[in-house]
Amino acid sequence: MELPETLNGFDKTSASGRLEIFTPDLVALTLPLDIIGDLAVTSDFQLVNGRLSAQTVLDSSSLAFSGSELTEAHFTVHLEKDLATKPDAPLF
């Protein structure tokens, strides 16, 4: 299978999947921010008829930075993007 050369070619492509990332020690990532804790990200995505949708969940049992601590976090985000737009249109 060959991927389309431009975003407009994705109107004939369908795909789905899951991306999972777990970082048990954010300090080890050497981020530009001084952040301590853990973070898990799960994203289920689907591409059908030129439309990309994703349901993303971010979880953490502890995040500390700049003298603040978040003892538990759970965020859910749903995103959709129609990829069948004008060629010069911004991606988002």
Protein backbone atom coordinates (compact mmCIF):
# COMPACT_ATOMS: atom_id res chain seq x y z
CA MET A 1 0.00 0.00 0.00
CA GLU A 2 1.27 3.44 -0.89
CA LEU A 3 0.42 6.63 1.02
CA PRO A 4 -1.05 9.58 -0.90
CA GLU A 5 1.38 12.34 -1.85
CA THR A 6 -0.87 15.15 -0.54
CA LEU A 7 -3.53 15.45 2.18
CA ASN A 8 -6.20 15.65 -0.53
CA GLY A 9 -5.37 12.05 -1.47
CA PHE A 10 -6.46 10.80 1.95
CA ASP A 11 -10.14 10.98 0.96
CA LYS A 12 -9.72 7.48 -0.48
CA THR A 13 -7.81 6.09 2.52
CA SER A 14 -9.26 4.59 5.68
CA ALA A 15 -7.39 3.60 8.81
CA SER A 16 -7.86 3.22 12.52
CA GLY A 17 -5.63 2.49 15.45
CA ARG A 18 -4.48 3.23 18.95
CA LEU A 19 -1.39 5.03 20.17
CA GLU A 20 -0.33 4.44 23.79
CA ILE A 21 2.49 6.26 25.56
CA PHE A 22 3.49 5.80 29.19
CA THR A 23 6.24 7.84 30.81
CA PRO A 24 6.72 6.69 34.40
CA ASP A 25 9.47 9.25 35.05
CA LEU A 26 9.17 12.60 33.24
CA VAL A 27 12.53 13.77 34.64
CA ALA A 28 14.28 11.15 32.50
CA LEU A 29 12.94 12.79 29.30
CA THR A 30 15.07 15.94 29.81
CA LEU A 31 12.23 18.32 28.94
CA PRO A 32 12.79 22.11 28.78
CA LEU A 33 10.51 22.37 31.85
CA ASP A 34 11.46 21.15 35.31
CA ILE A 35 8.64 18.63 35.68
CA ILE A 36 8.43 15.59 37.93
CA GLY A 37 5.84 12.84 37.78
CA ASP A 38 4.26 10.41 35.38
CA LEU A 39 2.04 10.72 32.33
CA ALA A 40 0.05 8.23 30.28
CA VAL A 41 -1.52 9.10 26.92
CA THR A 42 -3.91 6.90 24.97
CA SER A 43 -5.27 8.03 21.62
CA ASP A 44 -7.76 6.09 19.51
CA PHE A 45 -7.93 7.46 15.98
CA GLN A 46 -9.91 6.83 12.83
CA LEU A 47 -9.56 8.12 9.27
CA VAL A 48 -12.62 7.62 7.05
CA ASN A 49 -13.74 9.53 3.95
CA GLY A 50 -11.12 12.25 4.42
CA ARG A 51 -12.14 12.90 8.02
CA LEU A 52 -9.69 12.32 10.88
CA SER A 53 -11.06 11.89 14.40
CA ALA A 54 -9.24 11.11 17.62
CA GLN A 55 -10.27 10.50 21.21
CA THR A 56 -7.28 11.20 23.46
CA VAL A 57 -6.99 10.59 27.19
CA LEU A 58 -4.20 11.97 29.37
CA ASP A 59 -3.76 10.49 32.86
CA SER A 60 -1.31 11.24 35.64
CA SER A 61 -1.08 10.18 39.25
CA SER A 62 1.29 13.06 40.06
CA LEU A 63 2.76 16.08 38.25
CA ALA A 64 4.94 18.69 39.96
CA PHE A 65 6.45 21.82 38.40
CA SER A 66 7.28 25.41 39.38
CA GLY A 67 6.42 24.89 43.04
CA SER A 68 3.00 23.38 42.23
CA GLU A 69 1.78 19.82 42.39
CA LEU A 70 -1.17 18.21 40.68
CA THR A 71 -1.89 15.07 42.66
CA GLU A 72 -4.10 13.45 40.04
CA ALA A 73 -5.22 14.40 36.53
CA HIS A 74 -7.53 12.94 33.91
CA PHE A 75 -8.25 14.80 30.67
CA THR A 76 -10.24 13.59 27.69
CA VAL A 77 -10.11 15.41 24.35
CA HIS A 78 -12.06 14.65 21.19
CA LEU A 79 -10.63 16.10 17.97
CA GLU A 80 -11.93 16.06 14.40
CA LYS A 81 -10.41 17.41 11.21
CA ASP A 82 -11.73 17.33 7.66
CA LEU A 83 -8.64 16.64 5.53
CA ALA A 84 -10.53 17.32 2.28
CA THR A 85 -9.89 21.08 2.46
CA LYS A 86 -8.24 23.49 0.09
CA PRO A 87 -4.55 22.68 -0.55
CA ASP A 88 -3.35 25.99 0.94
CA ALA A 89 -5.58 25.82 4.05
CA PRO A 90 -3.83 25.45 7.44
CA LEU A 91 -3.74 21.93 8.87
CA PHE A 92 -5.69 23.02 12.02
